[in-house]
PDB file of all heavy atoms in Angstrom:
ATOM      1  N   GLY A   1       0.799  -1.215   0.000  1.00  0.00           N
ATOM      2  CA  GLY A   1       0.000   0.000   0.000  1.00  0.00           C
ATOM      3  C   GLY A   1       0.837   1.272   0.000  1.00  0.00           C
ATOM      4  O   GLY A   1       1.970   1.314  -0.473  1.00  0.00           O
ATOM      5  N   HIS A   2       0.262   2.307   0.596  1.00  0.00           N
ATOM      6  CA  HIS A   2       0.871   3.633   0.560  1.00  0.00           C
ATOM      7  C   HIS A   2       2.178   3.709   1.347  1.00  0.00           C
ATOM      8  O   HIS A   2       3.032   4.534   1.056  1.00  0.00           O
ATOM      9  CB  HIS A   2      -0.128   4.672   1.084  1.00  0.00           C
ATOM     10  CG  HIS A   2       0.283   6.076   0.774  1.00  0.00           C
ATOM     11  ND1 HIS A   2       0.821   6.908   1.720  1.00  0.00           N
ATOM     12  CD2 HIS A   2       0.257   6.774  -0.378  1.00  0.00           C
ATOM     13  CE1 HIS A   2       1.106   8.071   1.164  1.00  0.00           C
ATOM     14  NE2 HIS A   2       0.769   8.009  -0.105  1.00  0.00           N
ATOM     15  N   ASP A   3       2.366   2.845   2.330  1.00  0.00           N
ATOM     16  CA  ASP A   3       3.607   2.831   3.110  1.00  0.00           C
ATOM     17  C   ASP A   3       4.824   2.576   2.218  1.00  0.00           C
ATOM     18  O   ASP A   3       5.920   3.038   2.510  1.00  0.00           O
ATOM     19  CB  ASP A   3       3.532   1.754   4.203  1.00  0.00           C
ATOM     20  CG  ASP A   3       4.856   1.550   4.919  1.00  0.00           C
ATOM     21  OD1 ASP A   3       5.503   2.558   5.276  1.00  0.00           O
ATOM     22  OD2 ASP A   3       5.252   0.396   5.118  1.00  0.00           O
ATOM     23  N   TRP A   4       4.647   1.875   1.115  1.00  0.00           N
ATOM     24  CA  TRP A   4       5.756   1.512   0.228  1.00  0.00           C
ATOM     25  C   TRP A   4       5.749   2.357  -1.052  1.00  0.00           C
ATOM     26  O   TRP A   4       6.590   2.200  -1.917  1.00  0.00           O
ATOM     27  CB  TRP A   4       5.629   0.016  -0.092  1.00  0.00           C
ATOM     28  CG  TRP A   4       6.892  -0.669  -0.460  1.00  0.00           C
ATOM     29  CD1 TRP A   4       7.898  -1.059   0.377  1.00  0.00           C
ATOM     30  CD2 TRP A   4       7.292  -1.077  -1.763  1.00  0.00           C
ATOM     31  NE1 TRP A   4       8.891  -1.690  -0.343  1.00  0.00           N
ATOM     32  CE2 TRP A   4       8.528  -1.712  -1.654  1.00  0.00           C
ATOM     33  CE3 TRP A   4       6.705  -0.976  -3.027  1.00  0.00           C
ATOM     34  CZ2 TRP A   4       9.206  -2.236  -2.742  1.00  0.00           C
ATOM     35  CZ3 TRP A   4       7.375  -1.500  -4.112  1.00  0.00           C
ATOM     36  CH2 TRP A   4       8.617  -2.123  -3.961  1.00  0.00           C
ATOM     37  N   TYR A   5       4.799   3.266  -1.163  1.00  0.00           N
ATOM     38  CA  TYR A   5       4.612   4.108  -2.356  1.00  0.00           C
ATOM     39  C   TYR A   5       5.798   5.047  -2.559  1.00  0.00           C
ATOM     40  O   TYR A   5       6.289   5.663  -1.621  1.00  0.00           O
ATOM     41  CB  TYR A   5       3.326   4.919  -2.211  1.00  0.00           C
ATOM     42  CG  TYR A   5       3.090   5.950  -3.278  1.00  0.00           C
ATOM     43  CD1 TYR A   5       2.864   5.574  -4.594  1.00  0.00           C
ATOM     44  CD2 TYR A   5       3.081   7.303  -2.968  1.00  0.00           C
ATOM     45  CE1 TYR A   5       2.641   6.524  -5.577  1.00  0.00           C
ATOM     46  CE2 TYR A   5       2.849   8.254  -3.941  1.00  0.00           C
ATOM     47  CZ  TYR A   5       2.635   7.851  -5.247  1.00  0.00           C
ATOM     48  OH  TYR A   5       2.405   8.800  -6.211  1.00  0.00           O
ATOM     49  N   SER A   6       6.249   5.138  -3.803  1.00  0.00           N
ATOM     50  CA  SER A   6       7.341   6.035  -4.150  1.00  0.00           C
ATOM     51  C   SER A   6       7.014   6.714  -5.483  1.00  0.00           C
ATOM     52  O   SER A   6       7.108   6.088  -6.530  1.00  0.00           O
ATOM     53  CB  SER A   6       8.660   5.272  -4.273  1.00  0.00           C
ATOM     54  OG  SER A   6       9.711   6.165  -4.552  1.00  0.00           O
ATOM     55  N   PRO A   7       6.643   7.995  -5.461  1.00  0.00           N
ATOM     56  CA  PRO A   7       6.282   8.679  -6.700  1.00  0.00           C
ATOM     57  C   PRO A   7       7.484   9.062  -7.562  1.00  0.00           C
ATOM     58  O   PRO A   7       7.301   9.522  -8.686  1.00  0.00           O
ATOM     59  CB  PRO A   7       5.539   9.926  -6.212  1.00  0.00           C
ATOM     60  CG  PRO A   7       6.153  10.217  -4.889  1.00  0.00           C
ATOM     61  CD  PRO A   7       6.469   8.863  -4.295  1.00  0.00           C
ATOM     62  N   VAL A   8       8.693   8.884  -7.045  1.00  0.00           N
ATOM     63  CA  VAL A   8       9.878   9.276  -7.816  1.00  0.00           C
ATOM     64  C   VAL A   8      10.857   8.111  -7.938  1.00  0.00           C
ATOM     65  O   VAL A   8      10.952   7.237  -7.081  1.00  0.00           O
ATOM     66  CB  VAL A   8      10.618  10.482  -7.186  1.00  0.00           C
ATOM     67  CG1 VAL A   8       9.720  11.709  -7.150  1.00  0.00           C
ATOM     68  CG2 VAL A   8      11.113  10.160  -5.793  1.00  0.00           C
ATOM     69  N   THR A   9      11.586   8.127  -9.010  1.00  0.00           N
ATOM     70  CA  THR A   9      12.691   7.207  -9.327  1.00  0.00           C
ATOM     71  C   THR A   9      12.430   5.780  -8.875  1.00  0.00           C
ATOM     72  O   THR A   9      11.462   5.198  -9.272  1.00  0.00           O
ATOM     73  CB  THR A   9      14.025   7.748  -8.805  1.00  0.00           C
ATOM     74  OG1 THR A   9      13.977   7.851  -7.397  1.00  0.00           O
ATOM     75  CG2 THR A   9      14.348   9.076  -9.427  1.00  0.00           C
ATOM     76  N   SER A  10      13.309   5.212  -8.079  1.00  0.00           N
ATOM     77  CA  SER A  10      13.249   3.832  -7.591  1.00  0.00           C
ATOM     78  C   SER A  10      13.765   2.865  -8.650  1.00  0.00           C
ATOM     79  O   SER A  10      14.140   3.271  -9.739  1.00  0.00           O
ATOM     80  CB  SER A  10      11.847   3.476  -7.121  1.00  0.00           C
ATOM     81  OG  SER A  10      11.441   4.398  -6.132  1.00  0.00           O
ATOM     82  N   LEU A  11      13.793   1.548  -8.313  1.00  0.00           N
ATOM     83  CA  LEU A  11      14.495   0.621  -9.180  1.00  0.00           C
ATOM     84  C   LEU A  11      14.060  -0.817  -8.953  1.00  0.00           C
ATOM     85  O   LEU A  11      13.759  -1.206  -7.831  1.00  0.00           O
ATOM     86  CB  LEU A  11      15.998   0.753  -8.874  1.00  0.00           C
ATOM     87  CG  LEU A  11      16.968  -0.159  -9.577  1.00  0.00           C
ATOM     88  CD1 LEU A  11      18.150   0.637 -10.059  1.00  0.00           C
ATOM     89  CD2 LEU A  11      17.438  -1.262  -8.662  1.00  0.00           C
ATOM     90  N   VAL A  12      14.044  -1.585 -10.039  1.00  0.00           N
ATOM     91  CA  VAL A  12      13.932  -3.040  -9.993  1.00  0.00           C
ATOM     92  C   VAL A  12      15.019  -3.564 -10.914  1.00  0.00           C
ATOM     93  O   VAL A  12      15.138  -3.114 -12.047  1.00  0.00           O
ATOM     94  CB  VAL A  12      12.558  -3.547 -10.478  1.00  0.00           C
ATOM     95  CG1 VAL A  12      12.534  -5.064 -10.539  1.00  0.00           C
ATOM     96  CG2 VAL A  12      11.447  -3.047  -9.577  1.00  0.00           C
ATOM     97  N   GLU A  13      15.826  -4.515 -10.409  1.00  0.00           N
ATOM     98  CA  GLU A  13      16.897  -5.055 -11.234  1.00  0.00           C
ATOM     99  C   GLU A  13      17.111  -6.533 -10.905  1.00  0.00           C
ATOM    100  O   GLU A  13      17.218  -6.901  -9.739  1.00  0.00           O
ATOM    101  CB  GLU A  13      18.195  -4.287 -11.006  1.00  0.00           C
ATOM    102  CG  GLU A  13      19.321  -4.740 -11.896  1.00  0.00           C
ATOM    103  CD  GLU A  13      20.581  -3.896 -11.750  1.00  0.00           C
ATOM    104  OE1 GLU A  13      20.702  -3.136 -10.763  1.00  0.00           O
ATOM    105  OE2 GLU A  13      21.452  -4.008 -12.619  1.00  0.00           O
ATOM    106  N   TYR A  14      17.167  -7.338 -11.938  1.00  0.00           N
ATOM    107  CA  TYR A  14      17.457  -8.758 -11.770  1.00  0.00           C
ATOM    108  C   TYR A  14      18.948  -8.937 -11.540  1.00  0.00           C
ATOM    109  O   TYR A  14      19.774  -8.348 -12.244  1.00  0.00           O
ATOM    110  CB  TYR A  14      17.018  -9.542 -13.017  1.00  0.00           C
ATOM    111  CG  TYR A  14      17.405 -10.989 -12.953  1.00  0.00           C
ATOM    112  CD1 TYR A  14      16.719 -11.874 -12.120  1.00  0.00           C
ATOM    113  CD2 TYR A  14      18.457 -11.485 -13.696  1.00  0.00           C
ATOM    114  CE1 TYR A  14      17.079 -13.206 -12.036  1.00  0.00           C
ATOM    115  CE2 TYR A  14      18.823 -12.824 -13.633  1.00  0.00           C
ATOM    116  CZ  TYR A  14      18.133 -13.665 -12.798  1.00  0.00           C
ATOM    117  OH  TYR A  14      18.500 -14.989 -12.723  1.00  0.00           O
ATOM    118  N   GLU A  15      19.302  -9.760 -10.559  1.00  0.00           N
ATOM    119  CA  GLU A  15      20.697 -10.056 -10.237  1.00  0.00           C
ATOM    120  C   GLU A  15      21.001 -11.489 -10.676  1.00  0.00           C
ATOM    121  O   GLU A  15      20.604 -12.450 -10.016  1.00  0.00           O
ATOM    122  CB  GLU A  15      20.956  -9.882  -8.735  1.00  0.00           C
ATOM    123  CG  GLU A  15      20.766  -8.462  -8.255  1.00  0.00           C
ATOM    124  CD  GLU A  15      21.721  -7.503  -8.924  1.00  0.00           C
ATOM    125  OE1 GLU A  15      22.939  -7.766  -8.936  1.00  0.00           O
ATOM    126  OE2 GLU A  15      21.251  -6.484  -9.461  1.00  0.00           O
ATOM    127  N   ASN A  16      21.681 -11.616 -11.802  1.00  0.00           N
ATOM    128  CA  ASN A  16      21.943 -12.917 -12.403  1.00  0.00           C
ATOM    129  C   ASN A  16      22.773 -13.832 -11.500  1.00  0.00           C
ATOM    130  O   ASN A  16      22.499 -15.027 -11.396  1.00  0.00           O
ATOM    131  CB  ASN A  16      22.645 -12.729 -13.749  1.00  0.00           C
ATOM    132  CG  ASN A  16      22.712 -13.998 -14.545  1.00  0.00           C
ATOM    133  OD1 ASN A  16      21.709 -14.694 -14.681  1.00  0.00           O
ATOM    134  ND2 ASN A  16      23.883 -14.309 -15.072  1.00  0.00           N
ATOM    135  N   ASP A  17      23.774 -13.276 -10.812  1.00  0.00           N
ATOM    136  CA  ASP A  17      24.659 -14.117  -9.992  1.00  0.00           C
ATOM    137  C   ASP A  17      23.946 -14.760  -8.804  1.00  0.00           C
ATOM    138  O   ASP A  17      24.404 -15.762  -8.266  1.00  0.00           O
ATOM    139  CB  ASP A  17      25.885 -13.326  -9.529  1.00  0.00           C
ATOM    140  CG  ASP A  17      25.538 -12.147  -8.639  1.00  0.00           C
ATOM    141  OD1 ASP A  17      24.415 -11.599  -8.738  1.00  0.00           O
ATOM    142  OD2 ASP A  17      26.396 -11.744  -7.842  1.00  0.00           O
ATOM    143  N   LYS A  18      22.814 -14.195  -8.388  1.00  0.00           N
ATOM    144  CA  LYS A  18      22.065 -14.748  -7.256  1.00  0.00           C
ATOM    145  C   LYS A  18      20.691 -15.277  -7.662  1.00  0.00           C
ATOM    146  O   LYS A  18      19.954 -15.753  -6.812  1.00  0.00           O
ATOM    147  CB  LYS A  18      21.892 -13.666  -6.187  1.00  0.00           C
ATOM    148  CG  LYS A  18      23.180 -13.185  -5.563  1.00  0.00           C
ATOM    149  CD  LYS A  18      22.851 -12.148  -4.499  1.00  0.00           C
ATOM    150  CE  LYS A  18      23.947 -11.161  -4.315  1.00  0.00           C
ATOM    151  NZ  LYS A  18      24.081 -10.167  -5.355  1.00  0.00           N
ATOM    152  N   ASP A  19      20.325 -15.130  -8.939  1.00  0.00           N
ATOM    153  CA  ASP A  19      18.984 -15.455  -9.421  1.00  0.00           C
ATOM    154  C   ASP A  19      17.955 -14.803  -8.502  1.00  0.00           C
ATOM    155  O   ASP A  19      17.056 -15.439  -7.961  1.00  0.00           O
ATOM    156  CB  ASP A  19      18.765 -16.972  -9.495  1.00  0.00           C
ATOM    157  CG  ASP A  19      17.527 -17.338 -10.316  1.00  0.00           C
ATOM    158  OD1 ASP A  19      17.145 -16.570 -11.227  1.00  0.00           O
ATOM    159  OD2 ASP A  19      16.926 -18.397 -10.034  1.00  0.00           O
ATOM    160  N   SER A  20      18.144 -13.483  -8.324  1.00  0.00           N
ATOM    161  CA  SER A  20      17.274 -12.738  -7.419  1.00  0.00           C
ATOM    162  C   SER A  20      16.854 -11.415  -8.050  1.00  0.00           C
ATOM    163  O   SER A  20      17.407 -10.980  -9.055  1.00  0.00           O
ATOM    164  CB  SER A  20      17.987 -12.480  -6.086  1.00  0.00           C
ATOM    165  OG  SER A  20      19.071 -11.596  -6.264  1.00  0.00           O
ATOM    166  N   VAL A  21      15.874 -10.778  -7.426  1.00  0.00           N
ATOM    167  CA  VAL A  21      15.371  -9.492  -7.883  1.00  0.00           C
ATOM    168  C   VAL A  21      15.591  -8.473  -6.769  1.00  0.00           C
ATOM    169  O   VAL A  21      15.146  -8.675  -5.637  1.00  0.00           O
ATOM    170  CB  VAL A  21      13.870  -9.573  -8.255  1.00  0.00           C
ATOM    171  CG1 VAL A  21      13.348  -8.221  -8.700  1.00  0.00           C
ATOM    172  CG2 VAL A  21      13.638 -10.623  -9.336  1.00  0.00           C
ATOM    173  N   PHE A  22      16.286  -7.403  -7.102  1.00  0.00           N
ATOM    174  CA  PHE A  22      16.570  -6.291  -6.184  1.00  0.00           C
ATOM    175  C   PHE A  22      15.538  -5.205  -6.456  1.00  0.00           C
ATOM    176  O   PHE A  22      15.313  -4.830  -7.610  1.00  0.00           O
ATOM    177  CB  PHE A  22      17.983  -5.773  -6.464  1.00  0.00           C
ATOM    178  CG  PHE A  22      18.371  -4.563  -5.664  1.00  0.00           C
ATOM    179  CD1 PHE A  22      18.967  -4.704  -4.435  1.00  0.00           C
ATOM    180  CD2 PHE A  22      18.144  -3.284  -6.163  1.00  0.00           C
ATOM    181  CE1 PHE A  22      19.345  -3.588  -3.696  1.00  0.00           C
ATOM    182  CE2 PHE A  22      18.511  -2.163  -5.430  1.00  0.00           C
ATOM    183  CZ  PHE A  22      19.114  -2.317  -4.197  1.00  0.00           C
ATOM    184  N   VAL A  23      14.907  -4.695  -5.389  1.00  0.00           N
ATOM    185  CA  VAL A  23      13.898  -3.649  -5.542  1.00  0.00           C
ATOM    186  C   VAL A  23      14.186  -2.539  -4.534  1.00  0.00           C
ATOM    187  O   VAL A  23      14.434  -2.806  -3.359  1.00  0.00           O
ATOM    188  CB  VAL A  23      12.471  -4.199  -5.304  1.00  0.00           C
ATOM    189  CG1 VAL A  23      11.433  -3.114  -5.548  1.00  0.00           C
ATOM    190  CG2 VAL A  23      12.192  -5.409  -6.173  1.00  0.00           C
ATOM    191  N   TYR A  24      14.143  -1.291  -5.016  1.00  0.00           N
ATOM    192  CA  TYR A  24      14.380  -0.130  -4.161  1.00  0.00           C
ATOM    193  C   TYR A  24      13.227   0.844  -4.306  1.00  0.00           C
ATOM    194  O   TYR A  24      12.962   1.343  -5.396  1.00  0.00           O
ATOM    195  CB  TYR A  24      15.692   0.540  -4.572  1.00  0.00           C
ATOM    196  CG  TYR A  24      15.989   1.837  -3.844  1.00  0.00           C
ATOM    197  CD1 TYR A  24      16.185   1.854  -2.477  1.00  0.00           C
ATOM    198  CD2 TYR A  24      16.080   3.039  -4.537  1.00  0.00           C
ATOM    199  CE1 TYR A  24      16.465   3.042  -1.803  1.00  0.00           C
ATOM    200  CE2 TYR A  24      16.369   4.221  -3.879  1.00  0.00           C
ATOM    201  CZ  TYR A  24      16.560   4.219  -2.517  1.00  0.00           C
ATOM    202  OH  TYR A  24      16.838   5.378  -1.863  1.00  0.00           O
ATOM    203  N   SER A  25      12.525   1.114  -3.210  1.00  0.00           N
ATOM    204  CA  SER A  25      11.456   2.104  -3.178  1.00  0.00           C
ATOM    205  C   SER A  25      12.026   3.357  -2.511  1.00  0.00           C
ATOM    206  O   SER A  25      12.196   3.425  -1.293  1.00  0.00           O
ATOM    207  CB  SER A  25      10.247   1.572  -2.405  1.00  0.00           C
ATOM    208  OG  SER A  25       9.201   2.513  -2.442  1.00  0.00           O
ATOM    209  N   ALA A  26      12.330   4.357  -3.343  1.00  0.00           N
ATOM    210  CA  ALA A  26      13.147   5.501  -2.927  1.00  0.00           C
ATOM    211  C   ALA A  26      12.528   6.403  -1.871  1.00  0.00           C
ATOM    212  O   ALA A  26      13.237   6.939  -1.025  1.00  0.00           O
ATOM    213  CB  ALA A  26      13.512   6.345  -4.149  1.00  0.00           C
ATOM    214  N   THR A  27      11.237   6.609  -1.916  1.00  0.00           N
ATOM    215  CA  THR A  27      10.637   7.540  -0.949  1.00  0.00           C
ATOM    216  C   THR A  27       9.503   6.873  -0.176  1.00  0.00           C
ATOM    217  O   THR A  27       8.459   7.476   0.078  1.00  0.00           O
ATOM    218  CB  THR A  27      10.131   8.824  -1.646  1.00  0.00           C
ATOM    219  OG1 THR A  27       9.210   8.470  -2.674  1.00  0.00           O
ATOM    220  CG2 THR A  27      11.275   9.630  -2.221  1.00  0.00           C
ATOM    221  N   ALA A  28       9.695   5.622   0.201  1.00  0.00           N
ATOM    222  CA  ALA A  28       8.691   4.910   0.990  1.00  0.00           C
ATOM    223  C   ALA A  28       8.437   5.651   2.296  1.00  0.00           C
ATOM    224  O   ALA A  28       9.286   6.389   2.788  1.00  0.00           O
ATOM    225  CB  ALA A  28       9.164   3.489   1.276  1.00  0.00           C
ATOM    226  N   SER A  29       7.268   5.454   2.844  1.00  0.00           N
ATOM    227  CA  SER A  29       6.847   6.095   4.108  1.00  0.00           C
ATOM    228  C   SER A  29       6.804   7.607   3.968  1.00  0.00           C
ATOM    229  O   SER A  29       7.355   8.343   4.778  1.00  0.00           O
ATOM    230  CB  SER A  29       7.761   5.703   5.266  1.00  0.00           C
ATOM    231  OG  SER A  29       7.839   4.313   5.400  1.00  0.00           O
ATOM    232  N   LEU A  30       6.101   8.079   2.951  1.00  0.00           N
ATOM    233  CA  LEU A  30       5.995   9.523   2.726  1.00  0.00           C
ATOM    234  C   LEU A  30       5.153  10.244   3.773  1.00  0.00           C
ATOM    235  O   LEU A  30       5.273  11.442   3.936  1.00  0.00           O
ATOM    236  CB  LEU A  30       5.382   9.791   1.344  1.00  0.00           C
ATOM    237  CG  LEU A  30       6.336   9.669   0.184  1.00  0.00           C
ATOM    238  CD1 LEU A  30       5.573   9.765  -1.124  1.00  0.00           C
ATOM    239  CD2 LEU A  30       7.398  10.746   0.250  1.00  0.00           C
ATOM    240  N   ASP A  31       4.287   9.520   4.467  1.00  0.00           N
ATOM    241  CA  ASP A  31       3.459  10.123   5.496  1.00  0.00           C
ATOM    242  C   ASP A  31       4.324  10.345   6.738  1.00  0.00           C
ATOM    243  O   ASP A  31       4.379   9.532   7.649  1.00  0.00           O
ATOM    244  CB  ASP A  31       2.273   9.227   5.813  1.00  0.00           C
ATOM    245  CG  ASP A  31       1.266   9.900   6.734  1.00  0.00           C
ATOM    246  OD1 ASP A  31       1.609  10.933   7.360  1.00  0.00           O
ATOM    247  OD2 ASP A  31       0.136   9.388   6.818  1.00  0.00           O
ATOM    248  N   LEU A  32       5.032  11.480   6.744  1.00  0.00           N
ATOM    249  CA  LEU A  32       6.038  11.733   7.770  1.00  0.00           C
ATOM    250  C   LEU A  32       5.463  11.800   9.179  1.00  0.00           C
ATOM    251  O   LEU A  32       6.088  11.365  10.133  1.00  0.00           O
ATOM    252  CB  LEU A  32       6.801  13.013   7.438  1.00  0.00           C
ATOM    253  CG  LEU A  32       7.453  13.050   6.047  1.00  0.00           C
ATOM    254  CD1 LEU A  32       8.184  14.365   5.839  1.00  0.00           C
ATOM    255  CD2 LEU A  32       8.384  11.878   5.845  1.00  0.00           C
ATOM    256  N   LYS A  33       4.256  12.345   9.325  1.00  0.00           N
ATOM    257  CA  LYS A  33       3.630  12.416  10.649  1.00  0.00           C
ATOM    258  C   LYS A  33       3.281  11.017  11.159  1.00  0.00           C
ATOM    259  O   LYS A  33       3.501  10.704  12.318  1.00  0.00           O
ATOM    260  CB  LYS A  33       2.386  13.298  10.604  1.00  0.00           C
ATOM    261  CG  LYS A  33       2.718  14.758  10.398  1.00  0.00           C
ATOM    262  CD  LYS A  33       1.484  15.613  10.361  1.00  0.00           C
ATOM    263  CE  LYS A  33       1.899  17.054  10.096  1.00  0.00           C
ATOM    264  NZ  LYS A  33       0.764  17.934   9.943  1.00  0.00           N
ATOM    265  N   LYS A  34       2.768  10.180  10.266  1.00  0.00           N
ATOM    266  CA  LYS A  34       2.394   8.818  10.659  1.00  0.00           C
ATOM    267  C   LYS A  34       3.610   8.038  11.143  1.00  0.00           C
ATOM    268  O   LYS A  34       3.546   7.287  12.105  1.00  0.00           O
ATOM    269  CB  LYS A  34       1.745   8.099   9.481  1.00  0.00           C
ATOM    270  CG  LYS A  34       1.396   6.658   9.764  1.00  0.00           C
ATOM    271  CD  LYS A  34       0.775   6.000   8.538  1.00  0.00           C
ATOM    272  CE  LYS A  34       0.534   4.524   8.788  1.00  0.00           C
ATOM    273  NZ  LYS A  34       0.014   3.860   7.594  1.00  0.00           N
ATOM    274  N   PHE A  35       4.750   8.219  10.459  1.00  0.00           N
ATOM    275  CA  PHE A  35       5.943   7.458  10.800  1.00  0.00           C
ATOM    276  C   PHE A  35       6.885   8.226  11.728  1.00  0.00           C
ATOM    277  O   PHE A  35       7.968   7.765  12.030  1.00  0.00           O
ATOM    278  CB  PHE A  35       6.657   7.013   9.525  1.00  0.00           C
ATOM    279  CG  PHE A  35       5.843   6.031   8.747  1.00  0.00           C
ATOM    280  CD1 PHE A  35       5.081   6.445   7.671  1.00  0.00           C
ATOM    281  CD2 PHE A  35       5.802   4.702   9.122  1.00  0.00           C
ATOM    282  CE1 PHE A  35       4.299   5.543   6.968  1.00  0.00           C
ATOM    283  CE2 PHE A  35       5.028   3.790   8.427  1.00  0.00           C
ATOM    284  CZ  PHE A  35       4.270   4.219   7.347  1.00  0.00           C
ATOM    285  N   ASN A  36       6.460   9.429  12.155  1.00  0.00           N
ATOM    286  CA  ASN A  36       7.219  10.235  13.100  1.00  0.00           C
ATOM    287  C   ASN A  36       8.681  10.405  12.657  1.00  0.00           C
ATOM    288  O   ASN A  36       9.605  10.160  13.425  1.00  0.00           O
ATOM    289  CB  ASN A  36       7.138   9.628  14.505  1.00  0.00           C
ATOM    290  CG  ASN A  36       7.584  10.605  15.575  1.00  0.00           C
ATOM    291  OD1 ASN A  36       7.497  11.825  15.383  1.00  0.00           O
ATOM    292  ND2 ASN A  36       8.078  10.094  16.683  1.00  0.00           N
ATOM    293  N   THR A  37       8.863  10.798  11.406  1.00  0.00           N
ATOM    294  CA  THR A  37      10.194  11.005  10.870  1.00  0.00           C
ATOM    295  C   THR A  37      10.265  12.360  10.181  1.00  0.00           C
ATOM    296  O   THR A  37       9.255  12.993   9.911  1.00  0.00           O
ATOM    297  CB  THR A  37      10.578   9.916   9.841  1.00  0.00           C
ATOM    298  OG1 THR A  37       9.666   9.971   8.749  1.00  0.00           O
ATOM    299  CG2 THR A  37      10.566   8.538  10.461  1.00  0.00           C
ATOM    300  N   GLU A  38      11.484  12.794   9.891  1.00  0.00           N
ATOM    301  CA  GLU A  38      11.697  14.076   9.215  1.00  0.00           C
ATOM    302  C   GLU A  38      11.834  13.902   7.714  1.00  0.00           C
ATOM    303  O   GLU A  38      11.853  14.886   6.981  1.00  0.00           O
ATOM    304  CB  GLU A  38      12.949  14.741   9.782  1.00  0.00           C
ATOM    305  CG  GLU A  38      12.805  15.095  11.250  1.00  0.00           C
ATOM    306  CD  GLU A  38      14.087  15.662  11.834  1.00  0.00           C
ATOM    307  OE1 GLU A  38      14.989  16.020  11.075  1.00  0.00           O
ATOM    308  OE2 GLU A  38      14.167  15.731  13.074  1.00  0.00           O
ATOM    309  N   ALA A  39      11.985  12.680   7.254  1.00  0.00           N
ATOM    310  CA  ALA A  39      12.137  12.388   5.835  1.00  0.00           C
ATOM    311  C   ALA A  39      11.584  10.995   5.569  1.00  0.00           C
ATOM    312  O   ALA A  39      11.324  10.242   6.508  1.00  0.00           O
ATOM    313  CB  ALA A  39      13.617  12.476   5.443  1.00  0.00           C
ATOM    314  N   PRO A  40      11.397  10.636   4.301  1.00  0.00           N
ATOM    315  CA  PRO A  40      10.927   9.278   3.995  1.00  0.00           C
ATOM    316  C   PRO A  40      11.891   8.211   4.511  1.00  0.00           C
ATOM    317  O   PRO A  40      12.997   8.512   4.937  1.00  0.00           O
ATOM    318  CB  PRO A  40      10.889   9.264   2.468  1.00  0.00           C
ATOM    319  CG  PRO A  40      10.791  10.692   2.064  1.00  0.00           C
ATOM    320  CD  PRO A  40      11.559  11.454   3.107  1.00  0.00           C
ATOM    321  N   ASN A  41      11.449   6.978   4.448  1.00  0.00           N
ATOM    322  CA  ASN A  41      12.241   5.821   4.870  1.00  0.00           C
ATOM    323  C   ASN A  41      12.403   4.867   3.693  1.00  0.00           C
ATOM    324  O   ASN A  41      11.656   3.896   3.573  1.00  0.00           O
ATOM    325  CB  ASN A  41      11.546   5.087   6.026  1.00  0.00           C
ATOM    326  CG  ASN A  41      11.400   5.962   7.251  1.00  0.00           C
ATOM    327  OD1 ASN A  41      12.378   6.298   7.879  1.00  0.00           O
ATOM    328  ND2 ASN A  41      10.177   6.338   7.554  1.00  0.00           N
ATOM    329  N   PRO A  42      13.348   5.144   2.789  1.00  0.00           N
ATOM    330  CA  PRO A  42      13.525   4.274   1.625  1.00  0.00           C
ATOM    331  C   PRO A  42      13.655   2.809   2.038  1.00  0.00           C
ATOM    332  O   PRO A  42      14.136   2.498   3.124  1.00  0.00           O
ATOM    333  CB  PRO A  42      14.830   4.778   0.998  1.00  0.00           C
ATOM    334  CG  PRO A  42      14.935   6.191   1.442  1.00  0.00           C
ATOM    335  CD  PRO A  42      14.345   6.215   2.827  1.00  0.00           C
ATOM    336  N   CYS A  43      13.233   1.937   1.137  1.00  0.00           N
ATOM    337  CA  CYS A  43      13.182   0.516   1.441  1.00  0.00           C
ATOM    338  C   CYS A  43      13.899  -0.277   0.351  1.00  0.00           C
ATOM    339  O   CYS A  43      13.642  -0.083  -0.838  1.00  0.00           O
ATOM    340  CB  CYS A  43      11.726   0.083   1.532  1.00  0.00           C
ATOM    341  SG  CYS A  43      11.504  -1.560   2.192  1.00  0.00           S
ATOM    342  N   ILE A  44      14.804  -1.149   0.756  1.00  0.00           N
ATOM    343  CA  ILE A  44      15.511  -2.052  -0.149  1.00  0.00           C
ATOM    344  C   ILE A  44      15.027  -3.468   0.141  1.00  0.00           C
ATOM    345  O   ILE A  44      14.992  -3.890   1.297  1.00  0.00           O
ATOM    346  CB  ILE A  44      17.036  -1.980   0.070  1.00  0.00           C
ATOM    347  CG1 ILE A  44      17.565  -0.597  -0.321  1.00  0.00           C
ATOM    348  CG2 ILE A  44      17.744  -3.082  -0.720  1.00  0.00           C
ATOM    349  CD1 ILE A  44      19.018  -0.370   0.049  1.00  0.00           C
TER     350      ILE A  44
END
């Protein structure tokens, strides 16, 4: 949901050496008051 929402940039990339998928949500946790933070909490 919205906790993981990132309206800007971010990334999904397949990692061949691990047969895995790397995902980065650059501005997750945009609701700063809800998460009691001064900035988003990006998520890898």
